[in-house]
Protein backbone atom coordinates (compact mmCIF):
# COMPACT_ATOMS: atom_id res chain seq x y z
CA MET A 1 103.37 83.33 17.66
CA PRO A 2 105.67 80.51 18.75
CA LEU A 3 104.23 77.93 21.17
CA LYS A 4 105.84 77.31 24.50
CA ARG A 5 107.02 73.76 24.66
CA THR A 6 108.22 73.90 28.25
CA PRO A 7 106.04 71.60 30.37
CA PRO A 8 104.18 73.21 33.18
CA LYS A 9 105.71 73.24 36.57
CA SER A 10 104.66 70.52 38.95
CA PRO A 11 102.85 71.81 41.93
CA GLY A 12 104.98 72.45 44.85
CA LYS A 13 104.39 72.13 48.49
CA ASN A 14 102.99 75.61 48.80
CA GLN A 15 100.58 75.27 45.86
CA LYS A 16 97.12 73.92 46.35
CA LYS A 17 96.21 70.65 44.71
CA VAL A 18 93.51 71.04 42.00
CA SER A 19 90.71 68.63 42.74
CA THR A 20 88.30 67.16 40.18
CA PRO A 21 84.94 68.89 40.39
CA THR A 22 81.98 66.85 41.43
CA LEU A 23 78.67 66.49 39.57
CA SER A 24 76.95 69.07 41.78
CA GLU A 25 79.77 71.52 41.38
CA THR A 26 79.73 71.03 37.61
CA SER A 27 76.06 71.64 37.51
CA LYS A 28 76.45 74.79 39.51
CA THR A 29 79.16 75.98 37.21
CA VAL A 30 77.13 75.27 34.12
CA ASN A 31 74.18 77.12 35.53
CA ILE A 32 76.31 80.06 36.47
CA LYS A 33 77.75 80.34 33.01
CA THR A 34 74.41 80.17 31.32
CA CYS A 35 72.86 82.85 33.50
CA PRO A 36 72.82 86.48 32.44
CA PRO A 37 75.79 88.74 33.40
CA GLN A 38 73.95 90.30 36.22
CA MET A 39 73.40 86.89 37.70
CA THR A 40 77.14 86.09 37.43
CA SER A 41 78.19 89.04 39.48
CA ALA A 42 75.59 88.23 42.02
CA THR A 43 76.87 84.78 42.55
CA THR A 44 80.19 86.15 43.87
CA ASP A 45 78.36 87.23 46.92
CA ASN A 46 77.93 84.68 49.62
CA SER A 47 74.28 85.66 50.13
CA PRO A 48 72.19 82.52 50.48
CA SER A 49 68.98 84.09 49.09
CA GLN A 50 70.57 85.16 45.85
CA TYR A 51 72.21 81.75 45.42
CA SER A 52 69.00 79.89 45.93
CA GLN A 53 67.24 81.94 43.27
CA SER A 54 69.93 81.44 40.64
CA VAL A 55 70.77 77.71 41.15
CA PRO A 56 68.12 75.16 40.02
CA SER A 57 67.18 72.22 42.15
CA THR A 58 68.03 68.55 41.55
CA ASP A 59 64.42 67.80 40.45
CA ASP A 60 64.67 70.45 37.72
CA LEU A 61 67.85 68.85 36.47
CA SER A 62 66.25 65.42 36.42
CA ALA A 63 63.26 66.75 34.44
CA GLN A 64 65.60 68.37 31.94
CA ARG A 65 67.59 65.16 31.55
CA GLY A 66 64.23 63.16 30.97
CA LYS A 67 63.40 65.14 27.83
CA ARG A 68 64.92 64.07 24.57
CA LYS A 69 64.94 65.65 21.18
CA PHE A 70 62.25 64.59 18.61
CA ASP A 71 63.89 62.28 16.13
CA GLY A 72 62.95 62.41 12.40
CA SER A 73 62.57 58.56 12.15
CA ASP A 74 59.63 58.64 14.61
CA HIS A 75 57.82 61.11 12.38
CA SER A 76 58.27 58.87 9.31
CA ASP A 77 57.04 55.81 11.25
CA MET A 78 53.95 57.72 12.32
CA ARG A 79 53.26 58.77 8.74
CA ALA A 80 53.68 55.14 7.56
CA PHE A 81 51.36 53.92 10.30
CA MET A 82 48.74 56.51 9.39
CA ALA A 83 49.05 55.62 5.71
CA GLU A 84 48.59 51.93 6.51
CA MET A 85 45.54 52.71 8.66
CA ARG A 86 44.06 54.85 5.84
CA MET A 87 44.65 51.96 3.42
CA HIS A 88 42.97 49.45 5.77
CA PHE A 89 40.06 51.79 6.36
CA SER A 90 39.72 52.38 2.61
CA ASN A 91 39.72 48.61 1.96
CA PHE A 92 37.21 48.08 4.76
CA THR A 93 34.96 50.81 3.34
CA THR A 94 35.21 49.31 -0.14
CA ASN A 95 34.34 45.85 1.16
CA GLN A 96 31.40 47.21 3.09
CA ASP A 97 30.18 49.11 0.02
CA ASN A 98 30.43 45.94 -2.08
CA LYS A 99 28.58 43.93 0.54
CA LEU A 100 25.93 46.62 0.76
CA LEU A 101 25.50 46.56 -3.02
CA ASP A 102 25.21 42.76 -2.97
CA LEU A 103 22.71 43.00 -0.13
CA GLN A 104 20.66 45.57 -2.02
CA LYS A 105 20.70 43.35 -5.11
CA SER A 106 19.59 40.36 -3.01
CA ILE A 107 16.80 42.39 -1.43
CA THR A 108 15.66 43.56 -4.87
CA GLU A 109 15.61 39.97 -6.14
CA ILE A 110 13.72 38.83 -3.03
CA LYS A 111 11.17 41.58 -3.58
CA LYS A 112 10.69 40.46 -7.18
CA GLN A 113 10.35 36.85 -6.05
CA ASN A 114 7.86 37.87 -3.38
CA GLU A 115 5.83 39.75 -5.98
CA GLU A 116 5.82 36.66 -8.20
CA ILE A 117 4.88 34.49 -5.23
CA PHE A 118 2.01 36.82 -4.35
CA LYS A 119 0.82 36.71 -7.95
CA SER A 120 1.02 32.91 -7.91
CA ILE A 121 -0.84 32.76 -4.60
CA ASP A 122 -3.57 35.02 -5.97
CA PHE A 123 -3.81 32.86 -9.08
CA ILE A 124 -3.95 29.65 -7.05
CA SER A 125 -6.50 31.18 -4.69
CA GLN A 126 -8.69 32.15 -7.62
CA LYS A 127 -8.36 28.67 -9.10
CA TYR A 128 -9.12 27.14 -5.71
CA ASP A 129 -12.29 29.19 -5.42
CA ASP A 130 -13.32 28.14 -8.92
CA LEU A 131 -12.59 24.50 -8.15
CA SER A 132 -14.48 24.73 -4.88
CA LEU A 133 -17.52 26.03 -6.71
CA LYS A 134 -17.21 23.28 -9.32
CA ILE A 135 -16.78 20.61 -6.66
CA SER A 136 -19.76 21.93 -4.72
CA LYS A 137 -21.84 21.86 -7.89
CA LEU A 138 -20.63 18.35 -8.73
CA GLU A 139 -21.49 17.17 -5.22
CA ASP A 140 -24.99 18.59 -5.57
CA ASP A 141 -25.32 16.93 -8.96
CA LYS A 142 -24.05 13.69 -7.48
CA LYS A 143 -26.63 13.83 -4.69
CA GLU A 144 -29.39 14.46 -7.19
CA SER A 145 -28.14 11.65 -9.40
CA GLN A 146 -27.80 9.32 -6.42
CA ASN A 147 -31.32 10.11 -5.29
CA TYR A 148 -32.57 9.56 -8.81
CA ILE A 149 -30.70 6.24 -9.06
CA THR A 150 -32.05 5.16 -5.67
CA ALA A 151 -35.57 5.99 -6.78
CA LEU A 152 -35.06 4.01 -9.99
CA GLU A 153 -33.65 1.05 -8.05
CA GLU A 154 -36.58 1.09 -5.66
CA ARG A 155 -39.04 1.26 -8.54
CA LEU A 156 -37.26 -1.52 -10.39
CA ASP A 157 -37.17 -3.62 -7.24
CA PHE A 158 -40.86 -2.98 -6.69
CA LEU A 159 -41.71 -4.07 -10.24
CA GLU A 160 -39.49 -7.11 -9.95
CA LYS A 161 -40.99 -8.02 -6.61
CA LYS A 162 -44.47 -7.63 -8.04
CA SER A 163 -43.59 -9.90 -10.93
CA ARG A 164 -42.42 -12.49 -8.38
CA SER A 165 -45.62 -12.33 -6.36
CA THR A 166 -46.50 -15.95 -7.32
CA TYR A 167 -42.93 -17.27 -7.16
CA VAL A 168 -41.78 -19.78 -4.56
CA GLU A 169 -38.17 -20.72 -3.86
CA ILE A 170 -37.39 -24.28 -2.69
CA ARG A 171 -33.89 -24.97 -1.37
CA ASN A 172 -31.85 -28.02 -0.26
CA ILE A 173 -33.41 -30.43 -2.77
CA PRO A 174 -30.58 -32.49 -4.31
CA LYS A 175 -30.45 -32.55 -8.06
CA MET A 176 -31.85 -35.77 -9.54
CA PRO A 177 -30.24 -37.59 -12.44
CA SER A 178 -31.78 -36.70 -15.81
CA GLU A 179 -33.93 -34.04 -14.13
CA THR A 180 -36.72 -32.42 -16.17
CA LYS A 181 -39.55 -29.95 -15.61
CA LYS A 182 -41.95 -32.90 -15.39
CA SER A 183 -39.92 -34.59 -12.66
CA LEU A 184 -39.68 -31.32 -10.77
CA SER A 185 -43.45 -30.80 -11.10
CA SER A 186 -44.03 -34.32 -9.67
CA LEU A 187 -41.75 -33.39 -6.77
CA VAL A 188 -43.84 -30.27 -6.07
CA GLU A 189 -47.05 -32.34 -6.06
CA LYS A 190 -45.47 -34.68 -3.48
CA ILE A 191 -44.50 -31.68 -1.32
CA GLY A 192 -48.11 -30.44 -1.44
CA GLN A 193 -49.36 -33.86 -0.35
CA LYS A 194 -47.01 -33.91 2.67
CA LEU A 195 -48.10 -30.38 3.66
CA ASN A 196 -51.81 -30.98 2.96
CA VAL A 197 -51.85 -28.46 0.10
CA THR A 198 -53.45 -29.47 -3.17
CA ILE A 199 -51.13 -28.61 -6.06
CA GLU A 200 -51.93 -29.87 -9.52
CA LEU A 201 -49.99 -29.59 -12.77
CA ARG A 202 -52.31 -26.88 -14.02
CA ASP A 203 -51.38 -24.78 -10.95
CA ILE A 204 -47.72 -24.75 -12.01
CA LYS A 205 -46.90 -22.07 -14.59
CA ASP A 206 -43.16 -22.74 -14.62
CA ILE A 207 -40.47 -24.54 -12.62
CA TYR A 208 -36.68 -24.52 -13.02
CA ARG A 209 -33.38 -24.37 -11.14
CA ILE A 210 -31.32 -21.17 -10.98
CA ASN A 211 -27.57 -21.05 -11.48
CA THR A 212 -25.41 -20.95 -8.38
CA LYS A 213 -21.84 -21.81 -7.44
CA SER A 214 -22.92 -25.27 -6.26
CA ASP A 215 -24.02 -27.59 -9.06
CA ASP A 216 -25.47 -30.30 -6.79
CA ASN A 217 -27.87 -28.18 -4.76
CA LYS A 218 -29.25 -25.38 -6.90
CA PRO A 219 -32.47 -23.69 -5.67
CA ILE A 220 -35.74 -24.50 -7.44
CA ILE A 221 -37.96 -21.62 -8.59
CA LEU A 222 -41.65 -22.51 -8.71
CA GLU A 223 -44.12 -20.17 -10.40
CA LEU A 224 -47.71 -20.81 -9.37
CA THR A 225 -50.89 -19.49 -10.91
CA THR A 226 -52.18 -17.53 -7.89
CA VAL A 227 -50.75 -15.62 -4.96
CA ALA A 228 -53.22 -17.38 -2.64
CA LEU A 229 -51.80 -20.79 -3.52
CA LYS A 230 -48.27 -19.51 -2.92
CA ASP A 231 -49.19 -18.06 0.50
CA ASN A 232 -51.00 -21.31 1.42
CA LEU A 233 -47.91 -23.39 0.60
CA ILE A 234 -45.57 -21.16 2.66
CA ASP A 235 -47.96 -21.04 5.65
CA SER A 236 -48.33 -24.82 5.56
CA ILE A 237 -44.61 -25.52 5.90
CA LYS A 238 -44.39 -23.03 8.78
CA LYS A 239 -47.18 -24.86 10.61
CA PHE A 240 -45.59 -28.21 9.84
CA ASN A 241 -42.24 -27.17 11.33
CA LYS A 242 -43.97 -25.64 14.35
CA VAL A 243 -45.90 -28.82 15.10
CA ARG A 244 -43.02 -31.22 14.45
CA GLY A 245 -40.50 -29.22 16.44
CA ALA A 246 -37.04 -30.68 15.83
CA ASP A 247 -38.36 -32.92 13.07
CA ASN A 248 -38.61 -30.13 10.49
CA PHE A 249 -39.62 -30.74 6.93
CA ASN A 250 -36.65 -32.44 5.20
CA THR A 251 -35.63 -34.63 2.26
CA GLU A 252 -36.47 -37.78 4.18
CA HIS A 253 -40.18 -36.82 4.12
CA LEU A 254 -39.94 -36.72 0.32
CA GLN A 255 -38.25 -40.15 0.21
CA ILE A 256 -35.07 -38.76 -1.30
CA SER A 257 -32.04 -40.96 -0.75
CA GLY A 258 -29.10 -39.73 1.24
CA SER A 259 -28.70 -38.03 4.60
CA PRO A 260 -31.72 -35.92 5.63
CA LYS A 261 -31.49 -32.22 4.74
CA LYS A 262 -33.87 -29.54 5.92
CA VAL A 263 -36.00 -28.18 3.08
CA TYR A 264 -36.69 -24.43 2.94
CA ILE A 265 -39.74 -23.04 1.14
CA GLY A 266 -40.30 -19.29 0.97
CA ASP A 267 -40.71 -16.24 -1.22
CA SER A 268 -38.52 -15.82 -4.26
CA LEU A 269 -36.74 -12.58 -3.38
CA THR A 270 -35.10 -10.09 -5.69
CA PRO A 271 -31.29 -9.72 -5.53
CA LYS A 272 -31.68 -6.60 -3.40
CA GLN A 273 -34.14 -8.32 -1.06
CA LYS A 274 -31.88 -11.37 -0.79
CA ARG A 275 -29.00 -9.24 0.41
CA LEU A 276 -31.23 -7.41 2.88
CA PHE A 277 -32.65 -10.69 4.14
CA TYR A 278 -29.12 -12.01 4.68
CA LEU A 279 -28.15 -8.88 6.64
CA ALA A 280 -31.33 -9.16 8.72
CA ARG A 281 -30.57 -12.78 9.64
CA GLU A 282 -27.01 -11.84 10.64
CA PHE A 283 -28.39 -8.95 12.69
CA ALA A 284 -30.83 -11.31 14.43
CA LYS A 285 -27.99 -13.67 15.40
CA ALA A 286 -25.77 -10.85 16.68
CA ASN A 287 -28.49 -9.07 18.67
CA ASP A 288 -30.42 -12.08 20.05
CA TYR A 289 -33.54 -11.80 17.89
CA SER A 290 -35.52 -15.03 17.83
CA TYR A 291 -37.45 -14.48 14.56
CA CYS A 292 -36.50 -13.26 11.11
CA TRP A 293 -38.76 -14.02 8.15
CA SER A 294 -40.07 -12.71 4.84
CA THR A 295 -43.68 -12.47 3.62
CA ASN A 296 -44.66 -11.26 0.16
CA GLY A 297 -41.19 -9.86 -0.34
CA ASN A 298 -41.21 -8.00 2.99
CA ILE A 299 -38.65 -8.76 5.70
CA TYR A 300 -39.48 -8.72 9.42
CA LEU A 301 -37.68 -9.06 12.75
CA ARG A 302 -39.09 -10.00 16.16
CA LYS A 303 -37.24 -10.20 19.46
CA ARG A 304 -39.47 -12.68 21.33
CA GLU A 305 -42.81 -14.39 20.97
CA GLY A 306 -45.62 -11.93 21.70
CA THR A 307 -43.48 -8.81 21.14
CA SER A 308 -43.99 -6.36 18.27
CA HIS A 309 -42.20 -6.99 14.98
CA PHE A 310 -40.10 -4.58 12.88
CA ARG A 311 -40.20 -4.29 9.11
CA VAL A 312 -36.81 -3.97 7.44
CA VAL A 313 -36.95 -1.91 4.26
CA SER A 314 -33.27 -0.93 4.01
CA GLU A 315 -29.99 -1.32 5.84
CA LEU A 316 -30.63 1.94 7.70
CA ASP A 317 -33.57 0.30 9.45
CA LEU A 318 -31.20 -2.19 11.08
CA ASP A 319 -29.15 0.70 12.51
CA LYS A 320 -32.29 2.41 13.78
CA ILE A 321 -33.51 -0.79 15.46
CA LYS A 322 -30.14 -1.13 17.21
CA GLU A 323 -30.18 2.50 18.38
CA ASN A 324 -33.70 2.19 19.82
CA GLU A 325 -32.88 -0.82 21.95
């Protein structure tokens, strides 16, 4: 069928001008076309109730325009995101499983170590108990041995003291040139004369000097024949010093050259008794005791003239005397 190529007639004065439909009119038209046929015929009527039921509102149009079709790219992005999350979760689970295995291994090793430690502690505890028993036994043995040694020392000291019952010790006598036993015996006779004690050569069993650090003033040990003669000699020098006061018995009384030196005559003590006598003298100086002396190997302390005296047998006696003051 041939097309008409004649342009349409321009509108004349009597024709109505076709106006461009507005957005609301277009919407109405679209809605009318999409409605069922029965709705189309109804819209020709100018009834307001029928028109209001067939034409949607502006809000319904806006809601329809807000919806958009589901795009396929969004679905692929969601699947990729879920796959990535599954991968991360799988890695996290694997790491946690590995850490849990390492933790279980560490706990197992710690348990084994604890078992070994407990065994070691039990072993050490058993050894400690055994050592404690051995140490306790050794301490008991030591006490018994110490008591036995002390008893032996006391017995030995007693025998030695008994053997020295006739010994006299003379100190502060300077050594004479070419000194002999005979010269020392003559010196003892002169001492007896000054103290009004008769001492003859037959009364002297032995006489000699003992070794000390000082070579010029070594003590003289005199062994007499009787204990009575020894006691008489010691008592005589005590009386002499008591009567003379400050002018105690000294080297000047024996006509020995040099500056006067006080001469001491007393018992010849054992090494143990010498130490105890030294401690007793130091105790007397520290605690204001006026008298400290020895008689027949026994050591005594006295606070003042007329007061009771104390016998010192061991160092413990000095502590007891101090506690009782």
